[in-house]
Amino acid sequence: MGMAVSLLKVCVLGSTGSIGKSTLSVIDQNRDSYEVAALTANQNDKAMLEQCLAFKPSVAAMLDEQAAERLRQALKDAGSQTKVVQGTDALVALAAEHDIVVSAIVGAAGLMPTLAAVEAGKRVLLANKESLVMSGQLMMQAAQRSGALIMPVDSEHNAIFQCMPAPGVDGQEAGIEKIILTASGGPLRKCSLDELAVVTPQQALAHPNWSMGPKISIDSATMMNKGLEVIEACHLFSVGLESIEVVVHPESVVHSMVAYSDGSVLAQMGNPDMRTPIAHALAWPRRINSGVAPLKFTSLSGLHFEEPDVERFPCLRLAYEAQEIGGVAPAVLNAANEVAVDAFLNESVSFLQLPNIIENTLNEVKNYHASDLPTIIEADKVAREVAQKLIAN
């Protein structure tokens, strides 16, 4: 008799969103190595029901109470053994008890469960950039204490990770000169300011290369997404802002690059599909099948690179400024952005008002320099109130 291979137990936080679905698709290709042990979502119980029936997790958690109740009933009717739990505490508890935790909840809501997974020393596949933007220092220190491995799933940070020397090697000693973050430029890259003034949510959501949820799609259109990624890269790779350069690359084939002191530049390339970085982060240092088609160089029309335009897309500049200020400024930036994006999607503010709301919130919330968790959470709350007021006026 052969030895039974024990499957790695995976908990997917935010399983009904775009990253969550891609993760389950990768696991589906590799069921001999991974077992879906827990799934969590906010309120989409219909999608969660399908996922529970397909992957048979032991537990499913819903943040929303009514959704949890509906799911419980539906699973019972289907004869499923999956147990349903609800609320933030349930999410935090689940995050701390599985081998691999995929952090794919959108926004500040992902902070507490992600931190719990890191503190418990897990392999954390981090797609929730907001939690690192808000509390990067805390998160990285917790990982050092617990021995957690934070594997970036953002295609850019995952690319940088792949182009870096082995983890734990000092970047300075390895001769790293620059981290070059690529940005697609989003769907509005060629729009004039006059055109940007009248952009609709539908236009801003229509990303040319990636299929993403609404929040990150708008962030991509304003280039705030790249700003958040710059802050995230500072924490993940412990480098200063001066070591990070943003380059617009409309084809999204080169996912990011690392430049070395001998003149070498290493780039990671692939078709724009999130299953590649997810598969890399799940199996590292091994490689597994992700289901993504290989890149065909002969069918590429060319690769283009240009400078970002911070006049038309000031959110990128605001992110640099918030990181420069430090303390809770990045958390304030993030909170104001979440509120502003929501307002834009509901058509209560225009596209060009987004950076103004964020900038005014940054100016109005006095920057507490402490960055312990209670201070960060308080700053997040205050910034949201300030941003809501600005929008109402």
Protein backbone atom coordinates (compact mmCIF):
# COMPACT_ATOMS: atom_id res chain seq x y z
CA MET A 1 0.00 0.00 0.00
CA GLY A 2 1.34 3.48 -0.91
CA MET A 3 1.46 6.16 1.73
CA ALA A 4 -1.58 8.45 1.69
CA VAL A 5 -0.44 11.92 0.74
CA SER A 6 -1.88 14.49 3.10
CA LEU A 7 -3.52 17.30 1.18
CA LEU A 8 -2.73 20.89 2.08
CA LYS A 9 -5.83 22.51 3.56
CA VAL A 10 -6.75 25.82 1.95
CA CYS A 11 -9.01 28.54 3.34
CA VAL A 12 -10.21 31.06 0.74
CA LEU A 13 -11.27 34.40 2.23
CA GLY A 14 -13.54 36.09 -0.31
CA SER A 15 -14.16 33.01 -2.42
CA THR A 16 -17.05 34.44 -4.48
CA GLY A 17 -15.01 37.36 -5.85
CA SER A 18 -12.83 37.34 -8.92
CA ILE A 19 -9.59 36.20 -7.19
CA GLY A 20 -11.50 33.66 -5.11
CA LYS A 21 -13.00 32.07 -8.22
CA SER A 22 -9.62 31.96 -9.98
CA THR A 23 -8.09 30.31 -6.91
CA LEU A 24 -10.75 27.59 -6.89
CA SER A 25 -10.16 27.04 -10.59
CA VAL A 26 -6.41 26.45 -9.94
CA ILE A 27 -7.17 24.11 -7.02
CA ASP A 28 -9.63 22.23 -9.23
CA GLN A 29 -6.71 21.43 -11.58
CA ASN A 30 -4.63 20.21 -8.61
CA ARG A 31 -7.00 18.30 -6.37
CA ASP A 32 -4.32 15.72 -5.64
CA SER A 33 -2.35 18.35 -3.67
CA TYR A 34 -4.91 20.73 -2.18
CA GLU A 35 -8.16 20.45 -0.32
CA VAL A 36 -10.59 23.36 0.02
CA ALA A 37 -11.26 23.31 3.76
CA ALA A 38 -13.01 26.65 4.29
CA LEU A 39 -14.67 29.30 2.14
CA THR A 40 -15.83 32.75 3.18
CA ALA A 41 -17.87 35.48 1.50
CA ASN A 42 -19.75 38.62 2.37
CA GLN A 43 -23.31 38.03 1.18
CA ASN A 44 -23.38 36.17 -2.14
CA ASP A 45 -24.96 32.97 -0.83
CA LYS A 46 -25.96 31.71 -4.32
CA ALA A 47 -22.36 31.62 -5.56
CA MET A 48 -21.25 30.21 -2.20
CA LEU A 49 -23.79 27.39 -2.43
CA GLU A 50 -22.38 26.31 -5.82
CA GLN A 51 -18.83 26.43 -4.49
CA CYS A 52 -19.74 24.40 -1.40
CA LEU A 53 -21.39 21.71 -3.51
CA ALA A 54 -18.41 21.59 -5.89
CA PHE A 55 -15.59 21.60 -3.31
CA LYS A 56 -17.26 20.27 -0.13
CA PRO A 57 -15.44 22.46 2.41
CA SER A 58 -15.89 21.60 6.11
CA VAL A 59 -16.91 25.20 6.83
CA ALA A 60 -18.40 28.14 4.96
CA ALA A 61 -18.55 31.58 6.58
CA MET A 62 -20.79 34.46 5.55
CA LEU A 63 -20.37 37.96 6.97
CA ASP A 64 -24.03 38.76 6.40
CA GLU A 65 -26.45 37.12 8.81
CA GLN A 66 -29.38 36.67 6.39
CA ALA A 67 -27.05 35.23 3.76
CA ALA A 68 -25.69 32.76 6.32
CA GLU A 69 -29.22 31.67 7.17
CA ARG A 70 -30.18 31.18 3.50
CA LEU A 71 -26.98 29.23 2.84
CA ARG A 72 -27.52 27.02 5.89
CA GLN A 73 -31.00 26.10 4.67
CA ALA A 74 -29.91 25.50 1.06
CA LEU A 75 -27.00 23.28 2.10
CA LYS A 76 -29.27 21.31 4.41
CA ASP A 77 -31.74 20.79 1.57
CA ALA A 78 -28.90 19.58 -0.65
CA GLY A 79 -27.77 17.10 1.99
CA SER A 80 -24.40 18.82 2.35
CA GLN A 81 -22.17 18.30 5.41
CA THR A 82 -20.66 21.82 5.19
CA LYS A 83 -21.14 23.77 8.41
CA VAL A 84 -22.12 27.46 8.11
CA VAL A 85 -20.76 30.13 10.45
CA GLN A 86 -21.18 33.89 10.33
CA GLY A 87 -19.62 37.23 11.24
CA THR A 88 -16.16 38.79 11.35
CA ASP A 89 -15.01 36.73 14.34
CA ALA A 90 -15.77 33.54 12.44
CA LEU A 91 -13.64 34.74 9.52
CA VAL A 92 -10.76 35.65 11.81
CA ALA A 93 -10.94 32.25 13.51
CA LEU A 94 -10.96 30.36 10.18
CA ALA A 95 -8.02 32.38 8.88
CA ALA A 96 -5.88 31.17 11.76
CA GLU A 97 -6.43 27.44 11.38
CA HIS A 98 -5.53 26.27 7.86
CA ASP A 99 -2.22 25.52 6.08
CA ILE A 100 -2.78 28.06 3.31
CA VAL A 101 -4.95 31.15 3.54
CA VAL A 102 -5.93 33.06 0.41
CA SER A 103 -6.69 36.66 1.33
CA ALA A 104 -8.98 37.82 -1.47
CA ILE A 105 -11.48 40.01 0.38
CA VAL A 106 -11.71 43.46 -1.21
CA GLY A 107 -10.84 46.51 0.84
CA ALA A 108 -10.25 47.23 4.52
CA ALA A 109 -12.61 44.38 5.47
CA GLY A 110 -9.75 42.00 4.70
CA LEU A 111 -7.41 43.46 7.33
CA MET A 112 -8.36 41.53 10.48
CA PRO A 113 -8.62 38.02 8.96
CA THR A 114 -5.38 38.52 6.99
CA LEU A 115 -3.54 39.69 10.09
CA ALA A 116 -4.89 36.67 12.00
CA ALA A 117 -3.51 34.30 9.35
CA VAL A 118 -0.12 36.02 9.43
CA GLU A 119 0.02 35.95 13.22
CA ALA A 120 -0.76 32.24 13.12
CA GLY A 121 2.30 31.65 10.91
CA LYS A 122 0.45 30.45 7.80
CA ARG A 123 1.32 30.63 4.12
CA VAL A 124 -0.75 33.67 3.20
CA LEU A 125 -1.57 34.27 -0.46
CA LEU A 126 -2.11 38.00 -0.38
CA ALA A 127 -4.43 39.52 -2.96
CA ASN A 128 -5.89 42.04 -0.52
CA LYS A 129 -3.54 44.96 -1.08
CA GLU A 130 -5.56 47.28 1.15
CA SER A 131 -4.60 45.38 4.30
CA LEU A 132 -0.88 45.90 3.55
CA VAL A 133 -1.44 49.54 2.61
CA MET A 134 -3.18 50.12 5.95
CA SER A 135 -0.88 48.17 8.20
CA GLY A 136 2.14 47.07 6.19
CA GLN A 137 4.61 47.51 9.01
CA LEU A 138 2.46 45.56 11.49
CA MET A 139 1.84 42.81 8.96
CA MET A 140 5.51 42.33 8.04
CA GLN A 141 6.60 42.41 11.70
CA ALA A 142 3.95 39.82 12.58
CA ALA A 143 5.23 37.61 9.74
CA GLN A 144 8.77 37.85 11.06
CA ARG A 145 7.63 36.86 14.53
CA SER A 146 5.38 33.98 13.46
CA GLY A 147 7.36 32.66 10.49
CA ALA A 148 4.38 33.24 8.18
CA LEU A 149 5.19 33.26 4.48
CA ILE A 150 3.44 36.14 2.71
CA MET A 151 3.19 35.24 -0.98
CA PRO A 152 2.00 38.14 -3.14
CA VAL A 153 -0.78 37.25 -5.58
CA ASP A 154 -1.10 40.66 -7.25
CA SER A 155 0.36 39.96 -10.68
CA GLU A 156 2.91 42.78 -10.28
CA HIS A 157 4.19 41.84 -6.84
CA ASN A 158 4.20 38.21 -7.75
CA ALA A 159 6.32 39.08 -10.79
CA ILE A 160 8.74 41.06 -8.59
CA PHE A 161 8.95 38.13 -6.17
CA GLN A 162 9.84 35.84 -9.09
CA CYS A 163 12.56 38.26 -10.31
CA MET A 164 14.09 38.75 -6.86
CA PRO A 165 16.92 36.77 -5.29
CA ALA A 166 15.76 34.04 -2.87
CA PRO A 167 13.56 35.30 0.00
CA GLY A 168 15.61 36.38 2.98
CA VAL A 169 18.49 37.59 0.78
CA ASP A 170 19.21 41.27 1.40
CA GLY A 171 18.20 43.20 -1.74
CA GLN A 172 20.98 45.72 -1.27
CA GLU A 173 23.61 42.99 -1.07
CA ALA A 174 22.09 41.28 -4.10
CA GLY A 175 22.59 44.51 -6.05
CA ILE A 176 18.98 45.48 -6.66
CA GLU A 177 18.85 48.97 -8.15
CA LYS A 178 15.17 49.43 -8.95
CA ILE A 179 11.83 47.72 -8.81
CA ILE A 180 9.87 48.57 -11.96
CA LEU A 181 6.11 48.22 -11.49
CA THR A 182 4.19 47.96 -14.73
CA ALA A 183 0.74 49.51 -15.08
CA SER A 184 -1.68 48.82 -17.93
CA GLY A 185 -2.83 52.44 -17.81
CA GLY A 186 -6.41 51.16 -17.61
CA PRO A 187 -9.27 51.80 -20.04
CA LEU A 188 -8.94 55.61 -19.95
CA ARG A 189 -5.22 55.89 -20.68
CA LYS A 190 -5.72 57.93 -23.85
CA CYS A 191 -8.54 60.17 -22.63
CA SER A 192 -8.07 63.93 -22.43
CA LEU A 193 -9.06 65.80 -19.26
CA ASP A 194 -12.24 66.93 -21.02
CA GLU A 195 -13.13 63.33 -21.79
CA LEU A 196 -12.24 62.21 -18.25
CA ALA A 197 -14.66 64.81 -16.88
CA VAL A 198 -17.64 62.94 -18.35
CA VAL A 199 -16.51 59.33 -17.97
CA THR A 200 -19.27 56.95 -16.82
CA PRO A 201 -18.76 54.04 -14.41
CA GLN A 202 -19.42 51.67 -17.35
CA GLN A 203 -16.52 53.18 -19.32
CA ALA A 204 -14.20 53.10 -16.33
CA LEU A 205 -15.09 49.48 -15.59
CA ALA A 206 -14.24 48.25 -19.10
CA HIS A 207 -10.66 47.13 -18.56
CA PRO A 208 -8.89 46.15 -21.79
CA ASN A 209 -6.78 43.25 -20.40
CA TRP A 210 -7.93 42.00 -17.01
CA SER A 211 -11.28 40.86 -15.69
CA MET A 212 -11.53 42.19 -12.14
CA GLY A 213 -14.13 43.21 -9.56
CA PRO A 214 -15.65 46.73 -9.71
CA LYS A 215 -13.48 48.32 -6.97
CA ILE A 216 -10.14 47.29 -8.45
CA SER A 217 -11.34 48.10 -11.99
CA ILE A 218 -12.07 51.71 -10.99
CA ASP A 219 -8.75 51.88 -9.10
CA SER A 220 -7.09 50.74 -12.30
CA ALA A 221 -8.82 53.48 -14.29
CA THR A 222 -7.72 56.20 -11.81
CA MET A 223 -4.28 54.58 -11.37
CA MET A 224 -4.88 54.50 -7.61
CA ASN A 225 -4.42 50.76 -7.98
CA LYS A 226 -0.80 51.39 -8.97
CA GLY A 227 -0.40 53.84 -6.09
CA LEU A 228 -1.60 51.21 -3.61
CA GLU A 229 0.77 48.72 -5.23
CA VAL A 230 3.72 51.08 -4.78
CA ILE A 231 2.98 51.27 -1.04
CA GLU A 232 2.50 47.50 -0.92
CA ALA A 233 5.85 46.93 -2.66
CA CYS A 234 7.64 49.12 -0.09
CA HIS A 235 6.45 46.75 2.65
CA LEU A 236 6.71 43.42 0.84
CA PHE A 237 10.25 43.98 -0.40
CA SER A 238 11.40 46.42 2.33
CA VAL A 239 12.49 49.14 -0.09
CA GLY A 240 12.00 52.90 -0.04
CA LEU A 241 9.85 54.87 -2.46
CA GLU A 242 12.95 56.05 -4.34
CA SER A 243 13.62 52.44 -5.41
CA ILE A 244 10.26 52.01 -7.13
CA GLU A 245 9.46 53.22 -10.60
CA VAL A 246 6.09 52.95 -12.33
CA VAL A 247 6.01 52.34 -16.09
CA VAL A 248 2.85 52.18 -18.18
CA HIS A 249 2.78 49.03 -20.32
CA PRO A 250 -0.58 48.77 -22.13
CA GLU A 251 -0.25 45.12 -23.24
CA SER A 252 0.04 43.73 -19.66
CA VAL A 253 2.41 40.97 -20.78
CA VAL A 254 5.42 42.05 -18.71
CA HIS A 255 3.99 41.95 -15.20
CA SER A 256 6.88 43.79 -13.52
CA MET A 257 10.67 43.93 -13.56
CA VAL A 258 13.67 44.14 -11.25
CA ALA A 259 16.77 46.06 -12.35
CA TYR A 260 20.19 45.07 -10.95
CA SER A 261 23.41 47.05 -10.54
CA ASP A 262 25.19 45.15 -13.33
CA GLY A 263 22.66 46.43 -15.89
CA SER A 264 20.55 43.25 -15.94
CA VAL A 265 16.79 43.63 -15.85
CA LEU A 266 14.73 40.54 -15.02
CA ALA A 267 11.11 40.57 -16.14
CA GLN A 268 8.31 38.08 -15.52
CA MET A 269 5.95 37.64 -18.46
CA GLY A 270 2.78 35.75 -19.19
CA ASN A 271 -0.76 36.11 -20.49
CA PRO A 272 -2.79 38.48 -18.29
CA ASP A 273 -4.55 35.82 -16.19
CA MET A 274 -4.62 35.81 -12.38
CA ARG A 275 -4.42 32.03 -12.25
CA THR A 276 -0.67 32.24 -13.03
CA PRO A 277 0.35 34.22 -9.92
CA ILE A 278 -2.13 32.23 -7.80
CA ALA A 279 -0.63 28.91 -8.92
CA HIS A 280 2.88 30.25 -8.33
CA ALA A 281 2.03 31.42 -4.82
CA LEU A 282 0.18 28.22 -3.92
CA ALA A 283 2.97 25.85 -4.89
CA TRP A 284 6.17 27.89 -4.52
CA PRO A 285 8.97 26.83 -4.82
CA ARG A 286 7.37 24.16 -7.04
CA ARG A 287 5.39 24.91 -10.22
CA ILE A 288 1.96 23.50 -10.94
CA ASN A 289 -0.51 23.68 -13.82
CA SER A 290 -2.68 26.80 -13.64
CA GLY A 291 -4.86 26.19 -16.68
CA VAL A 292 -3.46 29.34 -18.36
CA ALA A 293 -2.55 29.17 -22.05
CA PRO A 294 1.18 29.66 -22.74
CA LEU A 295 2.31 33.02 -24.08
CA LYS A 296 2.77 32.98 -27.87
CA PHE A 297 5.50 35.47 -28.70
CA THR A 298 4.86 35.30 -32.42
CA SER A 299 1.30 36.50 -31.94
CA LEU A 300 2.26 39.55 -29.85
CA SER A 301 2.02 42.73 -31.89
CA GLY A 302 4.69 44.40 -29.73
CA LEU A 303 5.39 45.62 -26.21
CA HIS A 304 5.17 49.33 -25.38
CA PHE A 305 6.30 51.32 -22.37
CA GLU A 306 5.63 54.94 -21.41
CA GLU A 307 5.79 57.31 -18.43
CA PRO A 308 2.68 57.59 -16.25
CA ASP A 309 0.86 60.94 -16.51
CA VAL A 310 0.27 62.23 -12.99
CA GLU A 311 -1.45 65.35 -14.31
CA ARG A 312 -4.35 63.33 -15.67
CA PHE A 313 -4.10 60.61 -13.02
CA PRO A 314 -3.16 62.37 -9.75
CA CYS A 315 -4.07 59.36 -7.56
CA LEU A 316 -0.63 57.89 -8.22
CA ARG A 317 1.01 61.05 -6.84
CA LEU A 318 -1.33 61.02 -3.80
CA ALA A 319 -0.27 57.47 -2.94
CA TYR A 320 3.42 58.44 -3.07
CA GLU A 321 2.65 61.43 -0.83
CA ALA A 322 0.71 59.36 1.71
CA GLN A 323 3.53 56.82 1.94
CA GLU A 324 6.01 59.69 2.35
CA ILE A 325 3.99 61.12 5.27
CA GLY A 326 3.80 57.66 6.86
CA GLY A 327 1.91 56.85 10.06
CA VAL A 328 -1.75 56.33 9.23
CA ALA A 329 -1.71 58.45 6.04
CA PRO A 330 -1.81 55.35 3.78
CA ALA A 331 -4.81 54.03 5.76
CA VAL A 332 -6.53 57.41 5.32
CA LEU A 333 -5.74 57.39 1.59
CA ASN A 334 -7.20 53.90 1.29
CA ALA A 335 -10.38 54.65 3.26
CA ALA A 336 -11.09 57.86 1.33
CA ASN A 337 -10.50 56.01 -1.92
CA GLU A 338 -12.91 53.18 -1.00
CA VAL A 339 -15.63 55.70 -0.15
CA ALA A 340 -14.96 57.79 -3.27
CA VAL A 341 -14.98 54.77 -5.60
CA ASP A 342 -18.28 53.65 -4.10
CA ALA A 343 -19.75 57.10 -4.70
CA PHE A 344 -18.51 57.11 -8.29
CA LEU A 345 -20.03 53.66 -8.94
CA ASN A 346 -23.32 55.00 -7.56
CA GLU A 347 -22.95 58.04 -9.82
CA SER A 348 -22.94 60.56 -6.98
CA VAL A 349 -19.52 62.00 -7.92
CA SER A 350 -17.68 62.44 -11.21
CA PHE A 351 -14.49 60.65 -12.22
CA LEU A 352 -12.33 63.76 -11.83
CA GLN A 353 -13.71 64.40 -8.33
CA LEU A 354 -12.20 61.15 -7.03
CA PRO A 355 -8.64 62.47 -6.49
CA ASN A 356 -10.02 65.70 -4.95
CA ILE A 357 -12.03 63.79 -2.36
CA ILE A 358 -8.98 61.70 -1.48
CA GLU A 359 -6.63 64.70 -1.32
CA ASN A 360 -9.02 66.75 0.83
CA THR A 361 -9.52 63.82 3.20
CA LEU A 362 -5.75 63.43 3.54
CA ASN A 363 -5.49 67.14 4.34
CA GLU A 364 -8.33 67.05 6.84
CA VAL A 365 -7.54 63.95 8.88
CA LYS A 366 -4.60 64.94 11.01
CA ASN A 367 -1.91 62.36 10.68
CA TYR A 368 -1.44 60.33 13.79
CA HIS A 369 2.08 59.04 13.54
CA ALA A 370 1.51 55.97 15.62
CA SER A 371 0.66 52.96 13.54
CA ASP A 372 -0.66 50.43 16.04
CA LEU A 373 -3.84 48.56 15.11
CA PRO A 374 -6.36 50.60 17.16
CA THR A 375 -4.95 53.86 15.71
CA ILE A 376 -5.13 52.49 12.16
CA ILE A 377 -8.72 51.30 12.60
CA GLU A 378 -9.73 54.65 14.13
CA ALA A 379 -8.05 56.57 11.27
CA ASP A 380 -9.88 54.37 8.75
CA LYS A 381 -13.21 55.18 10.44
CA VAL A 382 -12.56 58.95 10.68
CA ALA A 383 -11.34 59.13 7.07
CA ARG A 384 -14.53 57.45 5.85
CA GLU A 385 -16.67 59.96 7.75
CA VAL A 386 -14.68 62.89 6.35
CA ALA A 387 -14.87 61.53 2.79
CA GLN A 388 -18.65 60.93 3.12
CA LYS A 389 -19.10 64.54 4.27
CA LEU A 390 -17.05 65.88 1.36
CA ILE A 391 -19.18 63.86 -1.06
CA ALA A 392 -22.44 65.01 0.54
CA ASN A 393 -21.31 68.63 0.12
